[in-house]
Amino acid sequence: MKIQLRYFASIREAIGSGSESVETAAATLAGLRDELIARGGPHAEALARGRAVRVSINQTMADESAVLTDGAEVAFFPPVTGG
């Protein structure tokens, strides 16, 4: 299936792009994250399992068990704190 990825803040800076379209065989957000980590390089570093990363699907916050659908928009961003 084809999905749209969006990257924000420090993740966008590390990857060097704010968005991309990808073909994925992943069924869930966790599987997608693993596919992106497997690319190596900046994707592996920015999305590594030890890093705190928030994810949304179709502009709704989701955990990594969320199911992907064709045409979905998935966004990755670091946790945000305010004060």
N, C-alpha and C. Protein backbone atom coordinates (compact mmCIF):
# COMPACT_ATOMS: atom_id res chain seq x y z
N MET A 1 0.84 -1.18 0.00
CA MET A 1 0.00 0.00 0.00
C MET A 1 0.88 1.24 0.00
N LYS A 2 0.32 2.32 -0.48
CA LYS A 2 1.06 3.58 -0.55
C LYS A 2 0.56 4.50 0.56
N ILE A 3 1.51 5.09 1.29
CA ILE A 3 1.16 6.03 2.36
C ILE A 3 2.03 7.27 2.25
N GLN A 4 1.58 8.32 2.89
CA GLN A 4 2.32 9.59 2.93
C GLN A 4 2.94 9.73 4.31
N LEU A 5 4.24 9.98 4.36
CA LEU A 5 4.93 10.20 5.63
C LEU A 5 5.24 11.67 5.80
N ARG A 6 5.13 12.14 7.02
CA ARG A 6 5.51 13.50 7.37
C ARG A 6 6.42 13.43 8.60
N TYR A 7 7.46 14.26 8.57
CA TYR A 7 8.43 14.31 9.66
C TYR A 7 8.46 15.73 10.20
N PHE A 8 8.54 15.88 11.53
CA PHE A 8 8.52 17.20 12.14
C PHE A 8 9.69 17.40 13.09
N ALA A 9 10.05 18.67 13.27
CA ALA A 9 11.05 19.13 14.25
C ALA A 9 12.39 18.42 14.06
N SER A 10 12.96 17.89 15.13
CA SER A 10 14.29 17.29 15.06
C SER A 10 14.33 16.06 14.16
N ILE A 11 13.22 15.36 14.02
CA ILE A 11 13.20 14.20 13.13
C ILE A 11 13.33 14.66 11.68
N ARG A 12 12.61 15.71 11.32
CA ARG A 12 12.73 16.28 9.96
C ARG A 12 14.16 16.73 9.70
N GLU A 13 14.77 17.39 10.68
CA GLU A 13 16.15 17.85 10.52
C GLU A 13 17.11 16.68 10.32
N ALA A 14 16.93 15.62 11.10
CA ALA A 14 17.82 14.46 11.00
C ALA A 14 17.67 13.74 9.66
N ILE A 15 16.44 13.59 9.19
CA ILE A 15 16.18 12.87 7.95
C ILE A 15 16.48 13.74 6.73
N GLY A 16 16.31 15.04 6.89
CA GLY A 16 16.60 15.96 5.80
C GLY A 16 15.44 16.19 4.86
N SER A 17 14.25 15.81 5.29
CA SER A 17 13.06 16.00 4.47
C SER A 17 11.84 16.09 5.37
N GLY A 18 10.84 16.84 4.94
CA GLY A 18 9.62 16.97 5.72
C GLY A 18 8.56 15.97 5.36
N SER A 19 8.67 15.35 4.18
CA SER A 19 7.66 14.39 3.78
C SER A 19 8.17 13.50 2.66
N GLU A 20 7.49 12.37 2.48
CA GLU A 20 7.76 11.46 1.38
C GLU A 20 6.60 10.50 1.24
N SER A 21 6.43 9.97 0.06
CA SER A 21 5.46 8.90 -0.19
C SER A 21 6.23 7.59 -0.25
N VAL A 22 5.68 6.56 0.38
CA VAL A 22 6.36 5.26 0.38
C VAL A 22 5.36 4.14 0.13
N GLU A 23 5.86 3.08 -0.43
CA GLU A 23 5.13 1.82 -0.53
C GLU A 23 5.55 0.98 0.67
N THR A 24 4.58 0.40 1.36
CA THR A 24 4.90 -0.40 2.53
C THR A 24 4.09 -1.69 2.55
N ALA A 25 4.68 -2.72 3.13
CA ALA A 25 3.97 -3.97 3.36
C ALA A 25 3.55 -4.06 4.82
N ALA A 26 3.90 -3.04 5.62
CA ALA A 26 3.60 -3.06 7.05
C ALA A 26 2.09 -2.98 7.29
N ALA A 27 1.64 -3.70 8.30
CA ALA A 27 0.22 -3.69 8.66
C ALA A 27 -0.07 -2.67 9.76
N THR A 28 0.95 -2.34 10.55
CA THR A 28 0.77 -1.45 11.70
C THR A 28 1.84 -0.35 11.69
N LEU A 29 1.64 0.63 12.56
CA LEU A 29 2.64 1.69 12.70
C LEU A 29 3.97 1.12 13.19
N ALA A 30 3.93 0.12 14.06
CA ALA A 30 5.17 -0.51 14.54
C ALA A 30 5.94 -1.13 13.38
N GLY A 31 5.24 -1.84 12.51
CA GLY A 31 5.88 -2.44 11.34
C GLY A 31 6.46 -1.40 10.41
N LEU A 32 5.74 -0.31 10.23
CA LEU A 32 6.23 0.78 9.39
C LEU A 32 7.50 1.38 9.98
N ARG A 33 7.48 1.64 11.27
CA ARG A 33 8.67 2.20 11.92
C ARG A 33 9.86 1.26 11.75
N ASP A 34 9.63 -0.05 11.91
CA ASP A 34 10.71 -1.02 11.71
C ASP A 34 11.24 -1.00 10.28
N GLU A 35 10.34 -0.87 9.30
CA GLU A 35 10.79 -0.78 7.89
C GLU A 35 11.66 0.45 7.69
N LEU A 36 11.25 1.57 8.26
CA LEU A 36 12.03 2.81 8.10
C LEU A 36 13.38 2.70 8.80
N ILE A 37 13.41 2.10 9.98
CA ILE A 37 14.68 1.90 10.70
C ILE A 37 15.60 1.01 9.87
N ALA A 38 15.04 0.01 9.20
CA ALA A 38 15.84 -0.93 8.40
C ALA A 38 16.51 -0.24 7.20
N ARG A 39 16.04 0.93 6.81
CA ARG A 39 16.70 1.68 5.74
C ARG A 39 18.12 2.07 6.13
N GLY A 40 18.35 2.17 7.44
CA GLY A 40 19.66 2.60 7.92
C GLY A 40 19.79 4.11 7.84
N GLY A 41 21.00 4.59 8.05
CA GLY A 41 21.31 6.01 7.93
C GLY A 41 20.45 6.88 8.83
N PRO A 42 20.03 8.04 8.33
CA PRO A 42 19.30 8.99 9.18
C PRO A 42 17.95 8.46 9.67
N HIS A 43 17.28 7.62 8.87
CA HIS A 43 16.01 7.05 9.34
C HIS A 43 16.24 6.18 10.57
N ALA A 44 17.27 5.34 10.51
CA ALA A 44 17.57 4.46 11.64
C ALA A 44 17.91 5.25 12.89
N GLU A 45 18.65 6.32 12.73
CA GLU A 45 19.05 7.12 13.88
C GLU A 45 17.86 7.91 14.46
N ALA A 46 17.10 8.56 13.60
CA ALA A 46 16.00 9.42 14.07
C ALA A 46 14.84 8.63 14.66
N LEU A 47 14.59 7.41 14.15
CA LEU A 47 13.43 6.63 14.58
C LEU A 47 13.80 5.42 15.42
N ALA A 48 15.06 5.34 15.87
CA ALA A 48 15.54 4.19 16.65
C ALA A 48 14.61 3.86 17.80
N ARG A 49 14.53 2.60 18.12
CA ARG A 49 13.63 2.12 19.17
C ARG A 49 13.91 2.75 20.53
N GLY A 50 15.11 3.15 20.82
CA GLY A 50 15.42 3.76 22.11
C GLY A 50 15.02 5.23 22.21
N ARG A 51 14.61 5.82 21.09
CA ARG A 51 14.26 7.25 21.07
C ARG A 51 12.77 7.44 21.29
N ALA A 52 12.44 8.50 21.99
CA ALA A 52 11.03 8.85 22.20
C ALA A 52 10.51 9.49 20.91
N VAL A 53 9.54 8.84 20.29
CA VAL A 53 8.95 9.32 19.05
C VAL A 53 7.44 9.21 19.17
N ARG A 54 6.74 10.27 18.84
CA ARG A 54 5.27 10.26 18.81
C ARG A 54 4.83 10.01 17.38
N VAL A 55 3.66 9.39 17.23
CA VAL A 55 3.17 9.05 15.89
C VAL A 55 1.69 9.39 15.80
N SER A 56 1.30 9.90 14.65
CA SER A 56 -0.13 10.09 14.39
C SER A 56 -0.45 9.44 13.05
N ILE A 57 -1.70 9.05 12.92
CA ILE A 57 -2.19 8.51 11.65
C ILE A 57 -3.45 9.30 11.29
N ASN A 58 -3.44 9.86 10.10
CA ASN A 58 -4.54 10.71 9.64
C ASN A 58 -4.88 11.79 10.66
N GLN A 59 -3.84 12.41 11.19
CA GLN A 59 -3.91 13.55 12.11
C GLN A 59 -4.56 13.21 13.46
N THR A 60 -4.47 11.94 13.86
CA THR A 60 -4.94 11.51 15.17
C THR A 60 -3.81 10.76 15.86
N MET A 61 -3.48 11.17 17.09
CA MET A 61 -2.43 10.47 17.83
C MET A 61 -2.75 8.99 17.92
N ALA A 62 -1.74 8.16 17.79
CA ALA A 62 -1.95 6.71 17.80
C ALA A 62 -0.77 6.02 18.45
N ASP A 63 -1.02 4.82 18.97
CA ASP A 63 0.10 4.01 19.42
C ASP A 63 0.52 3.12 18.26
N GLU A 64 1.61 2.43 18.43
CA GLU A 64 2.19 1.69 17.31
C GLU A 64 1.40 0.46 16.90
N SER A 65 0.36 0.11 17.64
CA SER A 65 -0.48 -1.02 17.24
C SER A 65 -1.55 -0.61 16.23
N ALA A 66 -1.67 0.69 15.94
CA ALA A 66 -2.67 1.18 14.99
C ALA A 66 -2.45 0.57 13.61
N VAL A 67 -3.54 0.21 12.96
CA VAL A 67 -3.50 -0.43 11.66
C VAL A 67 -3.39 0.62 10.55
N LEU A 68 -2.51 0.34 9.60
CA LEU A 68 -2.33 1.22 8.45
C LEU A 68 -3.37 0.91 7.38
N THR A 69 -3.76 1.94 6.64
CA THR A 69 -4.65 1.76 5.50
C THR A 69 -4.04 2.46 4.30
N ASP A 70 -4.38 1.99 3.13
CA ASP A 70 -3.87 2.60 1.90
C ASP A 70 -4.23 4.08 1.86
N GLY A 71 -3.26 4.91 1.54
CA GLY A 71 -3.48 6.34 1.44
C GLY A 71 -3.37 7.08 2.76
N ALA A 72 -3.04 6.40 3.84
CA ALA A 72 -2.95 7.04 5.15
C ALA A 72 -1.81 8.06 5.18
N GLU A 73 -1.96 9.05 6.06
CA GLU A 73 -0.91 10.01 6.34
C GLU A 73 -0.38 9.69 7.73
N VAL A 74 0.91 9.41 7.81
CA VAL A 74 1.55 9.07 9.08
C VAL A 74 2.58 10.15 9.39
N ALA A 75 2.52 10.68 10.60
CA ALA A 75 3.46 11.72 11.01
C ALA A 75 4.28 11.25 12.19
N PHE A 76 5.57 11.53 12.14
CA PHE A 76 6.50 11.21 13.23
C PHE A 76 7.02 12.52 13.78
N PHE A 77 7.04 12.65 15.10
CA PHE A 77 7.59 13.85 15.72
C PHE A 77 8.05 13.55 17.13
N PRO A 78 9.01 14.35 17.63
CA PRO A 78 9.49 14.14 19.00
C PRO A 78 8.44 14.60 19.99
N PRO A 79 8.50 14.10 21.21
CA PRO A 79 7.57 14.59 22.24
C PRO A 79 7.77 16.10 22.43
N VAL A 80 6.70 16.79 22.71
CA VAL A 80 6.74 18.23 22.87
C VAL A 80 6.41 18.58 24.33
N THR A 81 7.20 19.45 24.88
CA THR A 81 6.91 19.93 26.23
C THR A 81 6.65 21.43 26.17
N GLY A 82 5.89 21.88 27.07
CA GLY A 82 5.61 23.30 27.10
C GLY A 82 5.76 23.85 28.50
N GLY A 83 5.70 25.12 28.62
CA GLY A 83 5.83 25.66 29.96
C GLY A 83 5.65 27.14 30.00
